[in-house]
Amino acid sequence: MADGAFDLSEVKTLLDGINKDFSSYKEKNDDRLKQIEEKGSADYVTTEALEKIEADLSKKQQQVDQIELAMKRKPVKVMDKDGNEIDLDAKAIDWAKIVAKDTGMVDEAKSFDHEGMQEYKGAFLRLARKAFNTDFLTDAERKALSVGSSSDGGFFVTPDMTGRMVQRVYETSAVRAYASVQVISTDTLEGFYDNDEVGFGWVSELESRPTTDTPQVARWSIPVHEMYAMPKASQKLLDDSAVDIEEWLSGKIGDRFARAENSAFVAGDGVGKPRGFLDYADGTDLTNSVERFQTGANGAFATAPTSGDVLISALYGLKAQYRSNATWFANTATQAAVRKLKDSDGKYLWQPGIAGSQPATILGAPVASFEDMPNLATGSLSMAVGDLRQAYQIVDRMGVRMLRDPFTSKPNILFYATKRTGGDMINGEAIKVVEFSS
C-alpha cells in the first residue's frame, strides 16, 4: 500500500491468510476445549500453538482493519449546522493561502493546490528555523528541547544523520470514522430531543373530546473544550536541526490530539473535556443513559454453552433501524476473547472479513478496534455495539491554532498551540454496552 493506493493482490493475500489462520485457530481451540472437558485443563503444546496462531491472526486482521479505516477516511468531509458539506482538505488549503498571504511566504496570486501545500510545508520549515514553529508533545516530552542534552533534542543537530527517528507507537480509537462530526462557528452545538408521545383516546360518535397531552421536547447542547500545550525549543536547535522538524512536530501534534480526543470520546467524564459514551449510567432513557447487558461472570464471559448469549442480547436489544448499521467496538484483547466463543450450535461468533476492506464480524455486525475501551476486568465496560453515527456527536470549532512567543523565555522559543473540540452522546437508544459482571 503506497501513496494511499491499495494493492488488491496484497489485500487478497491478507484475507486468504486470515481465513487459513482462522481455520487452524478453530481446530486448535476445539482441541483445547476437548482437553479441558476430558482432563480439566489443556496441555501446554496446544495452548502455545493456539497463542501463536492467534497472534498471527490478530496481526493480519489489524492490517485489514487499517485498510478499511483508511477507506472510511478517504472522503475527508463533514457537515456544518446547515447541512452543507465541508471538504476539510479544501479548508486546509484555504487556511494555508491566508497564512501564506499574511506572512508573505509565497506570491499572493500563486495557485495553492495539494502540490502547493507541500511547498507551503517547506516554507513553514524555513520559517520554523527562524524561531516560528508550534508543537504538541506527549506529557513526558513536554519539556525544553536543548542542544546540550541528547534525550532533550541533541540528536537533532548532529552533522550527519542518515538513520531514522524511532518513535513510540500509541494505540487509539478511530471514533471520528464512526460518529457524527459537525463543524460549528460558535462555542456550542444545540439540538432537541423528540422523546415524547402525543396523547389520544377512543370515542364514540357523540362522546365529548377532551384535550389530549401535547408531546414535549427537550434541548441538548454540546460545548467545545480546549486542549493546549506550550513546549519550548532553543533557537539553536531550530537553526541547526538535521531533521525535518516541521514534519515531525506536525505528526506529533496530530497524533497526540487524536489520542486525547478519542480517549475522551470513549470514556471522558465531561468535566473540561468531551463526555464519552461509556460514562453514562445503565438505563433505557434516550437522553441520559445507555442500556447495559451483563455477561454473568466477573471480568469474563459466562461459561459455555451460554458464553455468547450476552452478545446476542446486546445486538438484538437495538431497534431494527440502529441494528442495521450497528458496529461492535472493543479493543484487540477483548476481540481475542470473543474469537473463542461459540453459539449453541457450535458455530464461532467471530468471523473474518470475506472481501477487501471488509472488517471481521461478530454475529454478522462489523468489528472496530477501539483501544480506549477497557480490558476485561470485574465490572468493566469492555464492549459496545450500535450505530455510533446516531448515538454520538462530535463538534469541532476550529483546527489546531498556533502562536509563537520568542520573548518570554529567551533564548528559547515558546510554542502555544490549542484545539477546540467537543463530544457527547445524543441518542442512548442507538448503542448498547456489555458489562463484564455477574
Protein backbone atom coordinates (compact mmCIF):
# COMPACT_ATOMS: atom_id res chain seq x y z
CA MET A 1 0.00 0.00 0.00
CA ALA A 2 1.66 3.22 -1.17
CA ASP A 3 0.54 6.81 -1.63
CA GLY A 4 -2.92 5.94 -0.34
CA ALA A 5 -3.44 3.27 -3.05
CA PHE A 6 -4.49 -0.24 -2.12
CA ASP A 7 -2.83 -3.26 -3.73
CA LEU A 8 -5.75 -5.63 -4.28
CA SER A 9 -3.45 -8.64 -4.55
CA GLU A 10 -1.95 -7.72 -1.18
CA VAL A 11 -5.44 -7.43 0.35
CA LYS A 12 -6.42 -10.80 -1.12
CA THR A 13 -3.26 -12.38 0.31
CA LEU A 14 -4.11 -10.96 3.73
CA LEU A 15 -7.67 -12.26 3.60
CA ASP A 16 -6.55 -15.70 2.44
CA GLY A 17 -4.07 -15.74 5.33
CA ILE A 18 -6.76 -14.73 7.82
CA ASN A 19 -9.13 -17.46 6.65
CA LYS A 20 -6.36 -20.06 6.76
CA ASP A 21 -5.27 -18.92 10.24
CA PHE A 22 -8.85 -18.92 11.48
CA SER A 23 -9.41 -22.48 10.26
CA SER A 24 -6.29 -23.55 12.16
CA TYR A 25 -7.42 -21.47 15.15
CA LYS A 26 -10.82 -23.19 15.29
CA GLU A 27 -9.21 -26.62 15.04
CA LYS A 28 -6.73 -25.93 17.84
CA ASN A 29 -9.34 -24.25 20.02
CA ASP A 30 -11.67 -27.22 19.60
CA ASP A 31 -8.78 -29.44 20.72
CA ARG A 32 -8.25 -27.17 23.74
CA LEU A 33 -11.93 -27.30 24.71
CA LYS A 34 -11.97 -31.09 24.34
CA GLN A 35 -8.90 -31.42 26.55
CA ILE A 36 -10.47 -29.17 29.19
CA GLU A 37 -13.64 -31.26 29.10
CA GLU A 38 -11.75 -34.56 29.38
CA LYS A 39 -8.81 -33.65 31.62
CA GLY A 40 -9.85 -30.40 33.30
CA SER A 41 -7.13 -28.39 31.53
CA ALA A 42 -5.45 -28.01 28.14
CA ASP A 43 -1.91 -29.22 27.53
CA TYR A 44 0.94 -26.75 27.03
CA VAL A 45 1.63 -27.67 23.39
CA THR A 46 -1.96 -26.97 22.32
CA THR A 47 -2.14 -23.72 24.29
CA GLU A 48 1.16 -22.45 22.89
CA ALA A 49 0.18 -23.35 19.31
CA LEU A 50 -3.15 -21.58 19.76
CA GLU A 51 -1.43 -18.43 21.06
CA LYS A 52 0.92 -18.34 18.07
CA ILE A 53 -1.93 -18.72 15.60
CA GLU A 54 -3.93 -16.06 17.45
CA ALA A 55 -1.02 -13.59 17.35
CA ASP A 56 -0.59 -14.07 13.60
CA LEU A 57 -4.34 -13.83 13.04
CA SER A 58 -4.56 -10.60 15.07
CA LYS A 59 -1.66 -9.06 13.16
CA LYS A 60 -3.25 -9.78 9.76
CA GLN A 61 -6.68 -8.63 10.95
CA GLN A 62 -5.24 -5.32 12.19
CA GLN A 63 -3.77 -4.73 8.72
CA VAL A 64 -7.17 -5.33 7.12
CA ASP A 65 -8.80 -3.07 9.73
CA GLN A 66 -6.33 -0.30 8.85
CA ILE A 67 -7.22 -0.59 5.17
CA GLU A 68 -10.93 -0.50 5.96
CA LEU A 69 -10.45 2.52 8.22
CA ALA A 70 -8.34 4.32 5.61
CA MET A 71 -11.11 3.85 3.06
CA LYS A 72 -13.60 5.30 5.54
CA ARG A 73 -11.37 8.35 5.86
CA LYS A 74 -10.88 8.94 2.12
CA PRO A 75 -13.75 11.43 1.80
CA VAL A 76 -12.46 13.94 4.36
CA LYS A 77 -15.79 15.74 4.60
CA VAL A 78 -18.14 16.79 7.37
CA MET A 79 -21.50 18.55 7.58
CA ASP A 80 -21.99 22.02 9.02
CA LYS A 81 -25.03 23.10 11.06
CA ASP A 82 -26.95 24.00 7.88
CA GLY A 83 -26.40 20.61 6.29
CA ASN A 84 -23.74 21.84 3.86
CA GLU A 85 -20.82 19.55 3.06
CA ILE A 86 -17.37 20.82 4.04
CA ASP A 87 -14.24 19.42 2.40
CA LEU A 88 -11.58 19.55 5.12
CA ASP A 89 -8.75 19.23 2.60
CA ALA A 90 -10.05 22.28 0.73
CA LYS A 91 -10.49 24.11 4.02
CA ALA A 92 -6.86 23.38 4.93
CA ILE A 93 -5.71 24.76 1.58
CA ASP A 94 -7.78 27.92 2.08
CA TRP A 95 -6.22 28.37 5.50
CA ALA A 96 -2.75 27.89 4.01
CA LYS A 97 -3.48 30.60 1.42
CA ILE A 98 -4.43 33.04 4.15
CA VAL A 99 -1.32 32.29 6.20
CA ALA A 100 0.90 32.47 3.12
CA LYS A 101 -0.55 35.84 2.16
CA ASP A 102 -0.25 37.26 5.69
CA THR A 103 3.34 36.13 6.13
CA GLY A 104 4.49 36.95 2.61
CA MET A 105 5.90 33.46 2.21
CA VAL A 106 4.57 32.99 -1.33
CA ASP A 107 3.25 35.23 -4.03
CA GLU A 108 -0.33 36.25 -3.34
CA ALA A 109 -1.53 35.04 -6.73
CA LYS A 110 0.22 31.66 -6.52
CA SER A 111 -2.04 28.70 -7.17
CA PHE A 112 -2.39 26.74 -3.93
CA ASP A 113 -3.37 23.15 -4.70
CA HIS A 114 -2.17 19.99 -2.94
CA GLU A 115 1.22 20.36 -4.58
CA GLY A 116 1.30 23.93 -3.35
CA MET A 117 0.54 22.64 0.13
CA GLN A 118 3.77 20.66 0.05
CA GLU A 119 5.66 23.79 -0.98
CA TYR A 120 3.99 25.62 1.87
CA LYS A 121 5.18 22.94 4.29
CA GLY A 122 8.74 23.54 3.12
CA ALA A 123 8.31 27.26 3.58
CA PHE A 124 6.90 26.65 7.04
CA LEU A 125 10.03 24.67 7.95
CA ARG A 126 12.27 27.51 6.81
CA LEU A 127 10.22 29.87 8.93
CA ALA A 128 10.50 27.44 11.85
CA ARG A 129 14.24 27.79 11.71
CA LYS A 130 13.71 31.48 12.20
CA ALA A 131 12.00 30.69 15.50
CA PHE A 132 8.40 30.41 14.32
CA ASN A 133 7.07 26.94 14.96
CA THR A 134 4.48 25.09 17.01
CA ASP A 135 4.41 21.84 18.88
CA PHE A 136 2.24 19.44 20.84
CA LEU A 137 4.19 16.70 22.60
CA THR A 138 3.26 13.87 24.89
CA ASP A 139 3.25 14.68 28.60
CA ALA A 140 6.65 13.02 29.02
CA GLU A 141 8.09 15.13 26.21
CA ARG A 142 6.54 18.42 27.26
CA LYS A 143 9.82 19.92 28.33
CA ALA A 144 12.53 22.07 26.86
CA LEU A 145 14.37 20.77 23.83
CA SER A 146 18.01 21.71 24.23
CA VAL A 147 21.12 21.05 22.15
CA GLY A 148 23.16 20.10 25.19
CA SER A 149 21.12 17.00 26.14
CA SER A 150 20.65 14.16 23.67
CA SER A 151 17.44 12.99 25.34
CA ASP A 152 16.04 16.51 25.09
CA GLY A 153 16.77 17.01 21.41
CA GLY A 154 20.51 16.95 20.92
CA PHE A 155 20.19 14.10 18.44
CA PHE A 156 18.54 16.56 16.05
CA VAL A 157 21.71 18.61 15.46
CA THR A 158 24.34 16.01 14.60
CA PRO A 159 26.33 16.95 11.44
CA ASP A 160 25.22 13.82 9.61
CA MET A 161 22.04 11.89 10.27
CA THR A 162 21.48 9.01 7.85
CA GLY A 163 19.36 6.89 10.15
CA ARG A 164 15.72 7.24 11.04
CA MET A 165 13.93 8.53 14.11
CA VAL A 166 12.50 5.74 16.24
CA GLN A 167 9.06 6.65 17.53
CA ARG A 168 6.95 5.07 20.21
CA VAL A 169 3.69 3.67 18.84
CA TYR A 170 0.46 4.55 20.63
CA GLU A 171 -2.84 2.80 20.04
CA THR A 172 -6.11 4.69 19.99
CA SER A 173 -9.73 4.59 18.79
CA ALA A 174 -10.86 5.97 15.43
CA VAL A 175 -14.07 7.42 16.86
CA ARG A 176 -14.36 10.10 14.17
CA ALA A 177 -14.70 7.44 11.47
CA TYR A 178 -17.91 6.14 13.08
CA ALA A 179 -19.52 9.06 14.95
CA SER A 180 -21.25 12.13 13.54
CA VAL A 181 -18.91 15.13 13.12
CA GLN A 182 -20.01 18.74 12.70
CA VAL A 183 -18.04 21.97 12.33
CA ILE A 184 -19.57 24.99 14.05
CA SER A 185 -18.82 28.71 14.19
CA THR A 186 -19.90 29.18 17.84
CA ASP A 187 -18.78 27.56 21.09
CA THR A 188 -21.83 25.25 21.45
CA LEU A 189 -23.92 22.97 19.24
CA GLU A 190 -27.56 22.70 20.28
CA GLY A 191 -30.44 20.47 19.25
CA PHE A 192 -33.67 18.98 20.55
CA TYR A 193 -34.90 15.59 21.77
CA ASP A 194 -38.26 14.45 20.42
CA ASN A 195 -38.78 11.85 23.12
CA ASP A 196 -42.48 12.08 23.94
CA GLU A 197 -45.80 10.76 22.62
CA VAL A 198 -48.93 12.70 21.73
CA GLY A 199 -51.98 11.77 23.79
CA PHE A 200 -55.00 10.11 22.17
CA GLY A 201 -58.27 8.39 23.06
CA TRP A 202 -61.06 6.28 21.59
CA VAL A 203 -64.50 7.94 21.44
CA SER A 204 -67.99 7.17 20.24
CA GLU A 205 -69.76 9.31 17.65
CA LEU A 206 -71.36 11.75 20.07
CA GLU A 207 -68.95 11.48 23.00
CA SER A 208 -67.07 14.60 24.15
CA ARG A 209 -63.43 15.01 23.11
CA PRO A 210 -61.26 16.44 25.88
CA THR A 211 -57.84 17.90 25.14
CA THR A 212 -55.08 15.29 24.89
CA ASP A 213 -51.48 15.58 26.03
CA THR A 214 -49.13 17.56 23.80
CA PRO A 215 -45.71 15.97 23.21
CA GLN A 216 -42.81 17.75 24.89
CA VAL A 217 -39.34 18.33 23.52
CA ALA A 218 -36.05 18.76 25.40
CA ARG A 219 -32.91 20.63 24.46
CA TRP A 220 -29.40 19.20 24.29
CA SER A 221 -26.19 21.15 23.90
CA ILE A 222 -22.57 20.16 23.31
CA PRO A 223 -19.91 22.74 24.23
CA VAL A 224 -16.44 22.74 22.75
CA HIS A 225 -13.50 22.19 25.08
CA GLU A 226 -9.94 23.36 24.62
CA MET A 227 -6.72 21.34 24.56
CA TYR A 228 -3.37 23.07 24.73
CA ALA A 229 0.37 22.56 25.05
CA MET A 230 3.22 25.04 25.41
CA PRO A 231 6.63 23.42 24.97
CA LYS A 232 9.79 25.30 24.11
CA ALA A 233 12.77 24.73 21.83
CA SER A 234 16.06 26.55 21.64
CA GLN A 235 16.77 28.84 18.73
CA LYS A 236 19.99 26.92 18.01
CA LEU A 237 18.08 23.67 17.76
CA LEU A 238 15.71 25.15 15.20
CA ASP A 239 18.59 26.68 13.24
CA ASP A 240 20.82 23.60 13.13
CA SER A 241 18.43 20.68 13.10
CA ALA A 242 19.16 17.99 10.51
CA VAL A 243 15.65 16.59 10.90
CA ASP A 244 12.53 17.96 9.21
CA ILE A 245 11.22 19.34 12.48
CA GLU A 246 8.02 20.70 10.94
CA GLU A 247 7.01 17.29 9.66
CA TRP A 248 7.95 15.61 12.92
CA LEU A 249 6.13 18.14 15.09
CA SER A 250 3.05 18.10 12.85
CA GLY A 251 2.87 14.35 13.23
CA LYS A 252 3.28 14.60 16.99
CA ILE A 253 0.58 17.25 17.20
CA GLY A 254 -1.92 15.25 15.18
CA ASP A 255 -1.18 12.01 16.97
CA ARG A 256 -1.31 13.48 20.49
CA PHE A 257 -4.51 15.40 19.83
CA ALA A 258 -6.19 12.42 18.18
CA ARG A 259 -5.37 10.15 21.11
CA ALA A 260 -6.55 12.69 23.67
CA GLU A 261 -9.80 13.26 21.78
CA ASN A 262 -10.53 9.60 21.19
CA SER A 263 -9.95 8.71 24.82
CA ALA A 264 -12.43 11.41 25.87
CA PHE A 265 -14.99 10.43 23.21
CA VAL A 266 -14.99 6.89 24.61
CA ALA A 267 -14.70 7.41 28.37
CA GLY A 268 -14.34 11.14 29.15
CA ASP A 269 -16.22 12.45 32.18
CA GLY A 270 -17.38 15.68 30.53
CA VAL A 271 -15.53 17.89 33.02
CA GLY A 272 -13.47 20.24 30.87
CA LYS A 273 -13.42 17.61 28.16
CA PRO A 274 -15.87 15.68 25.94
CA ARG A 275 -18.12 13.14 27.65
CA GLY A 276 -17.71 9.57 26.44
CA PHE A 277 -20.50 7.09 25.73
CA LEU A 278 -19.13 4.78 28.48
CA ASP A 279 -19.65 7.49 31.11
CA TYR A 280 -23.44 7.11 31.13
CA ALA A 281 -25.38 5.13 33.73
CA ASP A 282 -27.26 1.93 32.94
CA GLY A 283 -30.79 2.62 31.72
CA THR A 284 -33.12 2.99 28.77
CA ASP A 285 -33.68 6.75 28.88
CA LEU A 286 -32.69 8.12 25.47
CA THR A 287 -31.25 11.33 26.90
CA ASN A 288 -29.06 10.35 29.85
CA SER A 289 -28.38 6.61 29.99
CA VAL A 290 -27.12 3.66 27.97
CA GLU A 291 -28.50 0.18 28.48
CA ARG A 292 -26.01 -2.40 29.73
CA PHE A 293 -26.05 -6.18 29.36
CA GLN A 294 -24.21 -8.26 31.98
CA THR A 295 -22.10 -11.26 30.91
CA GLY A 296 -22.93 -13.27 34.03
CA ALA A 297 -19.27 -13.58 35.06
CA ASN A 298 -16.88 -11.07 36.64
CA GLY A 299 -14.25 -9.95 34.15
CA ALA A 300 -15.13 -12.68 31.64
CA PHE A 301 -17.81 -14.24 29.51
CA ALA A 302 -20.06 -16.84 31.06
CA THR A 303 -19.11 -20.47 30.67
CA ALA A 304 -20.27 -22.50 27.67
CA PRO A 305 -22.81 -23.05 26.25
CA THR A 306 -24.20 -19.60 27.17
CA SER A 307 -20.95 -17.66 26.64
CA GLY A 308 -22.17 -15.66 23.67
CA ASP A 309 -25.74 -15.07 24.82
CA VAL A 310 -24.89 -11.62 26.16
CA LEU A 311 -23.66 -10.53 22.72
CA ILE A 312 -26.86 -11.74 21.09
CA SER A 313 -28.91 -9.90 23.72
CA ALA A 314 -26.94 -6.67 23.24
CA LEU A 315 -27.13 -6.71 19.44
CA TYR A 316 -30.82 -7.53 19.33
CA GLY A 317 -31.52 -5.11 22.14
CA LEU A 318 -31.06 -2.42 19.48
CA LYS A 319 -34.05 -1.30 17.49
CA ALA A 320 -34.02 -2.52 13.89
CA GLN A 321 -33.07 0.85 12.38
CA TYR A 322 -29.96 1.01 14.58
CA ARG A 323 -29.13 -2.68 14.32
CA SER A 324 -28.90 -2.49 10.52
CA ASN A 325 -25.98 -0.04 10.83
CA ALA A 326 -24.51 -1.45 14.04
CA THR A 327 -20.79 -1.92 14.68
CA TRP A 328 -19.07 -3.67 17.59
CA PHE A 329 -16.47 -1.63 19.49
CA ALA A 330 -13.77 -3.34 21.58
CA ASN A 331 -10.02 -3.36 21.97
CA THR A 332 -7.93 -6.13 20.42
CA ALA A 333 -7.52 -8.03 23.70
CA THR A 334 -11.29 -8.28 24.11
CA GLN A 335 -11.70 -9.29 20.47
CA ALA A 336 -9.24 -12.13 21.10
CA ALA A 337 -11.51 -13.37 23.90
CA VAL A 338 -14.56 -13.19 21.62
CA ARG A 339 -12.84 -15.37 19.00
CA LYS A 340 -13.12 -18.33 21.36
CA LEU A 341 -16.90 -18.02 21.74
CA LYS A 342 -19.43 -20.30 20.06
CA ASP A 343 -23.20 -20.28 19.81
CA SER A 344 -25.39 -23.18 20.96
CA ASP A 345 -24.87 -24.88 17.58
CA GLY A 346 -21.09 -24.83 17.95
CA LYS A 347 -20.59 -22.04 15.38
CA TYR A 348 -17.97 -19.39 16.17
CA LEU A 349 -19.46 -15.93 16.76
CA TRP A 350 -16.40 -14.12 15.33
CA GLN A 351 -15.85 -14.46 11.61
CA PRO A 352 -13.10 -12.94 9.40
CA GLY A 353 -13.95 -10.45 6.66
CA ILE A 354 -14.84 -12.03 3.33
CA ALA A 355 -13.66 -9.28 0.95
CA GLY A 356 -11.15 -6.45 0.68
CA SER A 357 -11.79 -3.53 3.02
CA GLN A 358 -14.38 -5.59 4.93
CA PRO A 359 -13.80 -5.89 8.68
CA ALA A 360 -14.26 -9.01 10.76
CA THR A 361 -17.76 -9.57 12.15
CA ILE A 362 -19.42 -10.72 15.35
CA LEU A 363 -22.91 -12.14 14.77
CA GLY A 364 -22.81 -10.53 11.31
CA ALA A 365 -22.07 -6.99 12.55
CA PRO A 366 -18.64 -5.46 11.74
CA VAL A 367 -16.00 -5.02 14.43
CA ALA A 368 -14.00 -1.81 15.01
CA SER A 369 -10.87 -1.76 17.16
CA PHE A 370 -11.27 0.90 19.88
CA GLU A 371 -8.13 0.62 22.00
CA ASP A 372 -9.53 3.12 24.51
CA MET A 373 -12.16 0.56 25.54
CA PRO A 374 -11.03 -1.06 28.82
CA ASN A 375 -9.50 -4.52 29.11
CA LEU A 376 -11.57 -7.30 30.68
CA ALA A 377 -11.92 -6.82 34.42
CA THR A 378 -14.64 -7.13 37.02
CA GLY A 379 -17.38 -4.66 36.08
CA SER A 380 -15.51 -3.39 33.01
CA LEU A 381 -17.45 -1.92 30.09
CA SER A 382 -15.24 -3.58 27.51
CA MET A 383 -17.64 -3.90 24.55
CA ALA A 384 -20.30 -1.79 22.93
CA VAL A 385 -22.48 -2.21 19.87
CA GLY A 386 -24.63 0.23 17.97
CA ASP A 387 -24.92 2.92 15.33
CA LEU A 388 -22.40 5.43 16.66
CA ARG A 389 -23.30 7.97 13.98
CA GLN A 390 -26.77 8.21 15.51
CA ALA A 391 -25.59 7.87 19.11
CA TYR A 392 -22.61 10.22 19.37
CA GLN A 393 -21.98 13.77 18.13
CA ILE A 394 -18.52 15.31 17.76
CA VAL A 395 -18.25 19.10 17.47
CA ASP A 396 -15.26 20.98 16.05
CA ARG A 397 -14.81 24.73 16.49
CA MET A 398 -11.54 25.03 14.58
CA GLY A 399 -8.38 23.13 13.83
CA VAL A 400 -5.07 23.50 15.59
CA ARG A 401 -4.25 27.12 16.34
CA MET A 402 -0.64 28.10 16.93
CA LEU A 403 1.03 31.15 18.48
CA ARG A 404 4.75 31.89 18.84
CA ASP A 405 6.38 33.58 21.82
CA PRO A 406 10.09 34.43 21.28
CA PHE A 407 10.25 36.86 24.22
CA THR A 408 9.19 35.17 27.46
CA SER A 409 11.89 32.50 27.72
CA LYS A 410 14.92 33.70 25.77
CA PRO A 411 16.92 32.12 24.16
CA ASN A 412 14.11 29.59 23.83
CA ILE A 413 11.00 29.92 21.71
CA LEU A 414 7.67 29.05 23.36
CA PHE A 415 5.05 27.44 21.16
CA TYR A 416 1.45 27.75 22.30
CA ALA A 417 -0.99 25.52 20.44
CA THR A 418 -4.68 24.94 21.05
CA LYS A 419 -7.53 22.94 19.59
CA ARG A 420 -11.22 23.24 20.45
CA THR A 421 -13.46 20.22 20.14
CA GLY A 422 -16.37 18.64 21.99
CA GLY A 423 -18.41 15.48 22.01
CA ASP A 424 -21.36 13.88 23.76
CA MET A 425 -23.96 11.18 23.37
CA ILE A 426 -27.21 12.44 21.88
CA ASN A 427 -29.16 9.20 21.45
CA GLY A 428 -28.74 6.49 24.09
CA GLU A 429 -31.10 4.15 22.23
CA ALA A 430 -28.64 3.76 19.38
CA ILE A 431 -25.92 2.00 21.39
CA LYS A 432 -25.70 -0.82 23.96
CA VAL A 433 -22.83 -1.70 26.31
CA VAL A 434 -21.63 -5.10 27.53
CA GLU A 435 -20.70 -5.12 31.22
CA PHE A 436 -18.40 -7.90 32.41
CA SER A 437 -20.03 -8.67 35.72
CA SER A 438 -22.22 -11.33 37.25
